[in-house]
């Protein structure tokens, strides 16, 4: 009984460490555990997105995983976190919760926020 309980506790702990849920780039603490969480999320998200459109070949998946990881790293360095928070909320709510899309939309929103209407 004790051995079974211990095995169950270890399984739950291990699965929570490598959870495949969205990891916010805001305030990201770079350590091995957090890096693995980001990688697990990216792999899951890319596989789901590209399998849905029939483009889940290894080459495409690795390319898009790398693109998402690069985007995540850039998102950890953005200055306007209030805007980033809004972009994440907007795009994750509509099922486009990948770091490449979030970065692209953050860049566009940030540019637009500095422009004004002129004649």
C-alpha atoms as a PDB file:
ATOM      1  CA  UNK A   1       0.000   0.000   0.000  1.00  0.00           C
ATOM      2  CA  UNK A   2       2.765   2.407   0.962  1.00  0.00           C
ATOM      3  CA  UNK A   3       4.715   1.612  -2.206  1.00  0.00           C
ATOM      4  CA  UNK A   4       1.641   2.170  -4.407  1.00  0.00           C
ATOM      5  CA  UNK A   5       0.907   5.494  -2.715  1.00  0.00           C
ATOM      6  CA  UNK A   6       4.509   6.643  -3.141  1.00  0.00           C
ATOM      7  CA  UNK A   7       4.453   5.670  -6.823  1.00  0.00           C
ATOM      8  CA  UNK A   8       1.225   7.606  -7.326  1.00  0.00           C
ATOM      9  CA  UNK A   9       2.632  10.704  -5.589  1.00  0.00           C
ATOM     10  CA  UNK A  10       5.784  10.578  -7.729  1.00  0.00           C
ATOM     11  CA  UNK A  11       3.719  10.211 -10.899  1.00  0.00           C
ATOM     12  CA  UNK A  12       1.541  13.214 -10.039  1.00  0.00           C
ATOM     13  CA  UNK A  13       4.600  15.287  -9.148  1.00  0.00           C
ATOM     14  CA  UNK A  14       6.447  14.343 -12.355  1.00  0.00           C
ATOM     15  CA  UNK A  15       3.434  15.041 -14.549  1.00  0.00           C
ATOM     16  CA  UNK A  16       2.917  18.445 -12.925  1.00  0.00           C
ATOM     17  CA  UNK A  17       6.556  19.322 -13.567  1.00  0.00           C
ATOM     18  CA  UNK A  18       6.151  18.739 -17.265  1.00  0.00           C
ATOM     19  CA  UNK A  19       2.631  20.036 -17.578  1.00  0.00           C
ATOM     20  CA  UNK A  20       1.607  20.961 -21.074  1.00  0.00           C
ATOM     21  CA  UNK A  21      -0.290  24.113 -20.264  1.00  0.00           C
ATOM     22  CA  UNK A  22       0.484  27.624 -21.475  1.00  0.00           C
ATOM     23  CA  UNK A  23       3.525  29.178 -19.827  1.00  0.00           C
ATOM     24  CA  UNK A  24       3.456  32.949 -19.678  1.00  0.00           C
ATOM     25  CA  UNK A  25       6.621  34.647 -20.893  1.00  0.00           C
ATOM     26  CA  UNK A  26       5.985  37.512 -18.451  1.00  0.00           C
ATOM     27  CA  UNK A  27       8.110  37.082 -15.369  1.00  0.00           C
ATOM     28  CA  UNK A  28       9.528  33.826 -16.717  1.00  0.00           C
ATOM     29  CA  UNK A  29      12.183  32.419 -14.412  1.00  0.00           C
ATOM     30  CA  UNK A  30      14.735  30.588 -16.511  1.00  0.00           C
ATOM     31  CA  UNK A  31      15.560  27.274 -14.894  1.00  0.00           C
ATOM     32  CA  UNK A  32      15.588  23.721 -16.194  1.00  0.00           C
ATOM     33  CA  UNK A  33      12.103  22.865 -14.921  1.00  0.00           C
ATOM     34  CA  UNK A  34      10.516  25.954 -16.490  1.00  0.00           C
ATOM     35  CA  UNK A  35      12.385  25.451 -19.761  1.00  0.00           C
ATOM     36  CA  UNK A  36      11.008  21.904 -19.956  1.00  0.00           C
ATOM     37  CA  UNK A  37       7.473  23.197 -19.312  1.00  0.00           C
ATOM     38  CA  UNK A  38       7.807  25.645 -22.215  1.00  0.00           C
ATOM     39  CA  UNK A  39       9.187  22.941 -24.507  1.00  0.00           C
ATOM     40  CA  UNK A  40       6.406  20.512 -23.546  1.00  0.00           C
ATOM     41  CA  UNK A  41       3.742  23.157 -24.229  1.00  0.00           C
ATOM     42  CA  UNK A  42       5.268  24.139 -27.571  1.00  0.00           C
ATOM     43  CA  UNK A  43       5.541  20.520 -28.748  1.00  0.00           C
ATOM     44  CA  UNK A  44       1.926  19.799 -27.773  1.00  0.00           C
ATOM     45  CA  UNK A  45       0.553  22.999 -29.304  1.00  0.00           C
ATOM     46  CA  UNK A  46       2.476  22.704 -32.572  1.00  0.00           C
ATOM     47  CA  UNK A  47       1.503  19.029 -32.951  1.00  0.00           C
ATOM     48  CA  UNK A  48      -2.183  19.849 -32.371  1.00  0.00           C
ATOM     49  CA  UNK A  49      -2.199  22.870 -34.694  1.00  0.00           C
ATOM     50  CA  UNK A  50      -0.370  21.235 -37.576  1.00  0.00           C
ATOM     51  CA  UNK A  51      -2.043  17.828 -37.282  1.00  0.00           C
ATOM     52  CA  UNK A  52      -5.391  19.604 -37.659  1.00  0.00           C
ATOM     53  CA  UNK A  53      -4.360  20.863 -41.099  1.00  0.00           C
ATOM     54  CA  UNK A  54      -2.510  17.717 -42.198  1.00  0.00           C
ATOM     55  CA  UNK A  55       0.971  19.231 -41.984  1.00  0.00           C
ATOM     56  CA  UNK A  56       2.374  17.172 -39.123  1.00  0.00           C
ATOM     57  CA  UNK A  57       5.469  15.908 -40.896  1.00  0.00           C
ATOM     58  CA  UNK A  58       8.658  15.969 -38.784  1.00  0.00           C
ATOM     59  CA  UNK A  59      10.314  18.754 -40.778  1.00  0.00           C
ATOM     60  CA  UNK A  60       7.376  21.135 -40.421  1.00  0.00           C
ATOM     61  CA  UNK A  61       6.891  20.301 -36.741  1.00  0.00           C
ATOM     62  CA  UNK A  62      10.568  20.915 -35.845  1.00  0.00           C
ATOM     63  CA  UNK A  63      10.623  24.168 -37.840  1.00  0.00           C
ATOM     64  CA  UNK A  64       7.492  25.478 -36.118  1.00  0.00           C
ATOM     65  CA  UNK A  65       8.647  24.303 -32.684  1.00  0.00           C
ATOM     66  CA  UNK A  66      11.872  26.270 -33.153  1.00  0.00           C
ATOM     67  CA  UNK A  67       9.955  29.317 -34.365  1.00  0.00           C
ATOM     68  CA  UNK A  68       7.720  29.186 -31.279  1.00  0.00           C
ATOM     69  CA  UNK A  69      10.678  28.786 -28.925  1.00  0.00           C
ATOM     70  CA  UNK A  70      12.435  31.775 -30.515  1.00  0.00           C
ATOM     71  CA  UNK A  71       9.204  33.774 -30.177  1.00  0.00           C
ATOM     72  CA  UNK A  72       8.890  32.794 -26.508  1.00  0.00           C
ATOM     73  CA  UNK A  73      12.436  33.979 -25.811  1.00  0.00           C
ATOM     74  CA  UNK A  74      11.697  37.333 -27.481  1.00  0.00           C
ATOM     75  CA  UNK A  75       8.434  37.680 -25.538  1.00  0.00           C
ATOM     76  CA  UNK A  76      10.321  37.342 -22.237  1.00  0.00           C
ATOM     77  CA  UNK A  77      12.131  40.574 -23.113  1.00  0.00           C
ATOM     78  CA  UNK A  78       9.203  42.824 -24.128  1.00  0.00           C
ATOM     79  CA  UNK A  79       8.797  46.103 -22.286  1.00  0.00           C
ATOM     80  CA  UNK A  80       5.055  46.730 -22.539  1.00  0.00           C
ATOM     81  CA  UNK A  81       3.764  43.901 -20.352  1.00  0.00           C
ATOM     82  CA  UNK A  82       0.315  45.478 -20.048  1.00  0.00           C
ATOM     83  CA  UNK A  83      -0.100  45.205 -23.812  1.00  0.00           C
ATOM     84  CA  UNK A  84       1.400  41.706 -23.852  1.00  0.00           C
ATOM     85  CA  UNK A  85      -1.086  40.588 -21.206  1.00  0.00           C
ATOM     86  CA  UNK A  86      -3.969  41.829 -23.408  1.00  0.00           C
ATOM     87  CA  UNK A  87      -2.573  40.150 -26.521  1.00  0.00           C
ATOM     88  CA  UNK A  88      -2.145  36.837 -24.687  1.00  0.00           C
ATOM     89  CA  UNK A  89      -5.682  37.019 -23.335  1.00  0.00           C
ATOM     90  CA  UNK A  90      -7.188  37.887 -26.724  1.00  0.00           C
ATOM     91  CA  UNK A  91      -5.413  35.233 -28.768  1.00  0.00           C
ATOM     92  CA  UNK A  92      -5.529  32.438 -26.207  1.00  0.00           C
ATOM     93  CA  UNK A  93      -9.286  32.942 -25.820  1.00  0.00           C
ATOM     94  CA  UNK A  94      -9.810  32.326 -29.542  1.00  0.00           C
ATOM     95  CA  UNK A  95      -7.562  29.253 -29.677  1.00  0.00           C
ATOM     96  CA  UNK A  96      -4.503  30.894 -31.198  1.00  0.00           C
ATOM     97  CA  UNK A  97      -2.342  30.487 -28.125  1.00  0.00           C
ATOM     98  CA  UNK A  98       1.040  29.943 -29.724  1.00  0.00           C
ATOM     99  CA  UNK A  99       4.048  32.113 -29.070  1.00  0.00           C
ATOM    100  CA  UNK A 100       4.660  32.973 -32.734  1.00  0.00           C
ATOM    101  CA  UNK A 101       1.186  34.450 -33.144  1.00  0.00           C
ATOM    102  CA  UNK A 102       1.381  36.233 -29.803  1.00  0.00           C
ATOM    103  CA  UNK A 103       4.747  37.797 -30.702  1.00  0.00           C
ATOM    104  CA  UNK A 104       3.568  38.853 -34.150  1.00  0.00           C
ATOM    105  CA  UNK A 105       0.414  40.462 -32.769  1.00  0.00           C
ATOM    106  CA  UNK A 106       2.278  42.090 -29.878  1.00  0.00           C
ATOM    107  CA  UNK A 107       4.695  43.714 -32.347  1.00  0.00           C
ATOM    108  CA  UNK A 108       1.820  44.987 -34.511  1.00  0.00           C
ATOM    109  CA  UNK A 109      -0.198  46.230 -31.525  1.00  0.00           C
ATOM    110  CA  UNK A 110       2.862  47.930 -30.051  1.00  0.00           C
ATOM    111  CA  UNK A 111       3.548  49.727 -33.360  1.00  0.00           C
ATOM    112  CA  UNK A 112      -0.092  50.806 -33.629  1.00  0.00           C
ATOM    113  CA  UNK A 113      -0.094  52.135 -30.066  1.00  0.00           C
ATOM    114  CA  UNK A 114       2.619  54.637 -31.034  1.00  0.00           C
ATOM    115  CA  UNK A 115       0.843  55.958 -34.125  1.00  0.00           C
ATOM    116  CA  UNK A 116      -1.788  58.630 -34.390  1.00  0.00           C
ATOM    117  CA  UNK A 117      -4.230  59.530 -37.106  1.00  0.00           C
ATOM    118  CA  UNK A 118      -2.829  62.153 -39.435  1.00  0.00           C
ATOM    119  CA  UNK A 119      -4.158  63.871 -42.496  1.00  0.00           C
END
